[in-house]
Amino acid sequence: MSKGQHALLIQPPLFPKEQPVERVEFGGIPCTYCHGNGWFWGMDEYRERVKCECPVCKGNKRLKAVVTVNWTADDSSNNQ
């Protein structure tokens, strides 16, 4: 079975001095806490099973990843 995978190709911007920070969002990723249900089974005060909203995705069933890239000088090349 095929599997979708998000990828980000890192390449410096044309003008890194004017735009040193980039922000990319990847949405539509199924929540791993509730397995994409938006809820999980919990217990109330009478020990009855009730549906509880997922505390991670807040019932949306999906998560969004925000990737921030901050471009700075690489000082490690001077230490060789």
C-alpha atoms as a PDB file:
ATOM      1  CA  MET A   1       0.000   0.000   0.000  1.00  0.00           C
ATOM      2  CA  SER A   2       1.290   3.475  -0.831  1.00  0.00           C
ATOM      3  CA  LYS A   3       2.015   6.006   1.881  1.00  0.00           C
ATOM      4  CA  GLY A   4       2.008   9.792   1.552  1.00  0.00           C
ATOM      5  CA  GLN A   5       4.982  11.604   3.026  1.00  0.00           C
ATOM      6  CA  HIS A   6       5.705  15.319   3.459  1.00  0.00           C
ATOM      7  CA  ALA A   7       9.166  16.586   2.525  1.00  0.00           C
ATOM      8  CA  LEU A   8      10.914  19.941   2.700  1.00  0.00           C
ATOM      9  CA  LEU A   9      13.873  20.757   0.469  1.00  0.00           C
ATOM     10  CA  ILE A  10      16.151  23.158   2.345  1.00  0.00           C
ATOM     11  CA  GLN A  11      17.644  25.826   0.078  1.00  0.00           C
ATOM     12  CA  PRO A  12      18.779  29.300   1.155  1.00  0.00           C
ATOM     13  CA  PRO A  13      16.698  32.230  -0.091  1.00  0.00           C
ATOM     14  CA  LEU A  14      18.001  34.608  -2.744  1.00  0.00           C
ATOM     15  CA  PHE A  15      18.328  37.454  -0.197  1.00  0.00           C
ATOM     16  CA  PRO A  16      19.047  35.814   3.198  1.00  0.00           C
ATOM     17  CA  LYS A  17      19.968  39.135   4.810  1.00  0.00           C
ATOM     18  CA  GLU A  18      16.525  40.652   4.138  1.00  0.00           C
ATOM     19  CA  GLN A  19      14.596  37.413   4.871  1.00  0.00           C
ATOM     20  CA  PRO A  20      16.602  35.333   7.387  1.00  0.00           C
ATOM     21  CA  VAL A  21      13.555  33.381   8.648  1.00  0.00           C
ATOM     22  CA  GLU A  22      11.240  31.142   6.630  1.00  0.00           C
ATOM     23  CA  ARG A  23       8.036  29.477   7.832  1.00  0.00           C
ATOM     24  CA  VAL A  24       6.374  26.481   6.158  1.00  0.00           C
ATOM     25  CA  GLU A  25       3.161  24.740   7.269  1.00  0.00           C
ATOM     26  CA  PHE A  26       2.199  21.116   6.595  1.00  0.00           C
ATOM     27  CA  GLY A  27      -1.439  20.377   7.423  1.00  0.00           C
ATOM     28  CA  GLY A  28      -3.778  17.424   7.285  1.00  0.00           C
ATOM     29  CA  ILE A  29      -1.607  15.036   9.312  1.00  0.00           C
ATOM     30  CA  PRO A  30      -3.715  12.489  11.268  1.00  0.00           C
ATOM     31  CA  CYS A  31      -3.482  12.896  15.052  1.00  0.00           C
ATOM     32  CA  THR A  32      -1.404  10.098  16.580  1.00  0.00           C
ATOM     33  CA  TYR A  33      -2.838  10.590  20.093  1.00  0.00           C
ATOM     34  CA  CYS A  34      -6.444   9.728  19.148  1.00  0.00           C
ATOM     35  CA  HIS A  35      -5.523   7.878  15.901  1.00  0.00           C
ATOM     36  CA  GLY A  36      -7.514  10.386  13.832  1.00  0.00           C
ATOM     37  CA  ASN A  37     -10.812   9.850  15.696  1.00  0.00           C
ATOM     38  CA  GLY A  38     -10.974  13.245  17.425  1.00  0.00           C
ATOM     39  CA  TRP A  39     -11.965  11.494  20.674  1.00  0.00           C
ATOM     40  CA  PHE A  40     -11.104   8.549  22.897  1.00  0.00           C
ATOM     41  CA  TRP A  41     -12.979   6.522  25.469  1.00  0.00           C
ATOM     42  CA  GLY A  42     -12.865   7.823  29.045  1.00  0.00           C
ATOM     43  CA  MET A  43     -14.768   7.302  32.293  1.00  0.00           C
ATOM     44  CA  ASP A  44     -17.139   9.658  34.080  1.00  0.00           C
ATOM     45  CA  GLU A  45     -17.753   9.916  37.829  1.00  0.00           C
ATOM     46  CA  TYR A  46     -20.166   6.928  37.677  1.00  0.00           C
ATOM     47  CA  ARG A  47     -17.516   4.762  35.939  1.00  0.00           C
ATOM     48  CA  GLU A  48     -19.542   4.853  32.713  1.00  0.00           C
ATOM     49  CA  ARG A  49     -17.710   4.979  29.399  1.00  0.00           C
ATOM     50  CA  VAL A  50     -17.974   8.361  27.690  1.00  0.00           C
ATOM     51  CA  LYS A  51     -16.351   9.926  24.640  1.00  0.00           C
ATOM     52  CA  CYS A  52     -13.708  12.494  25.633  1.00  0.00           C
ATOM     53  CA  GLU A  53     -12.397  15.120  23.219  1.00  0.00           C
ATOM     54  CA  CYS A  54      -8.762  14.616  22.241  1.00  0.00           C
ATOM     55  CA  PRO A  55      -6.580  17.097  24.172  1.00  0.00           C
ATOM     56  CA  VAL A  56      -3.999  17.262  21.355  1.00  0.00           C
ATOM     57  CA  CYS A  57      -6.087  17.905  18.212  1.00  0.00           C
ATOM     58  CA  LYS A  58      -9.105  19.340  20.111  1.00  0.00           C
ATOM     59  CA  GLY A  59     -11.454  17.045  18.165  1.00  0.00           C
ATOM     60  CA  ASN A  60     -10.233  18.180  14.721  1.00  0.00           C
ATOM     61  CA  LYS A  61      -8.751  14.727  13.953  1.00  0.00           C
ATOM     62  CA  ARG A  62      -5.788  16.318  12.191  1.00  0.00           C
ATOM     63  CA  LEU A  63      -2.607  18.155  13.189  1.00  0.00           C
ATOM     64  CA  LYS A  64      -0.556  20.866  11.501  1.00  0.00           C
ATOM     65  CA  ALA A  65       3.248  20.995  11.566  1.00  0.00           C
ATOM     66  CA  VAL A  66       4.874  24.441  11.457  1.00  0.00           C
ATOM     67  CA  VAL A  67       8.540  24.374  10.383  1.00  0.00           C
ATOM     68  CA  THR A  68      10.641  27.503  10.935  1.00  0.00           C
ATOM     69  CA  VAL A  69      14.068  27.871   9.308  1.00  0.00           C
ATOM     70  CA  ASN A  70      16.407  30.548  10.643  1.00  0.00           C
ATOM     71  CA  TRP A  71      19.360  31.270   8.332  1.00  0.00           C
ATOM     72  CA  THR A  72      22.593  32.157  10.176  1.00  0.00           C
ATOM     73  CA  ALA A  73      26.333  31.958   9.502  1.00  0.00           C
ATOM     74  CA  ASP A  74      27.986  28.528   9.801  1.00  0.00           C
ATOM     75  CA  ASP A  75      30.852  29.073  12.237  1.00  0.00           C
ATOM     76  CA  SER A  76      31.775  25.370  12.351  1.00  0.00           C
ATOM     77  CA  SER A  77      33.668  25.535   9.016  1.00  0.00           C
ATOM     78  CA  ASN A  78      36.254  27.930  10.566  1.00  0.00           C
ATOM     79  CA  ASN A  79      37.220  25.406  13.275  1.00  0.00           C
ATOM     80  CA  GLN A  80      38.624  22.741  10.924  1.00  0.00           C
END
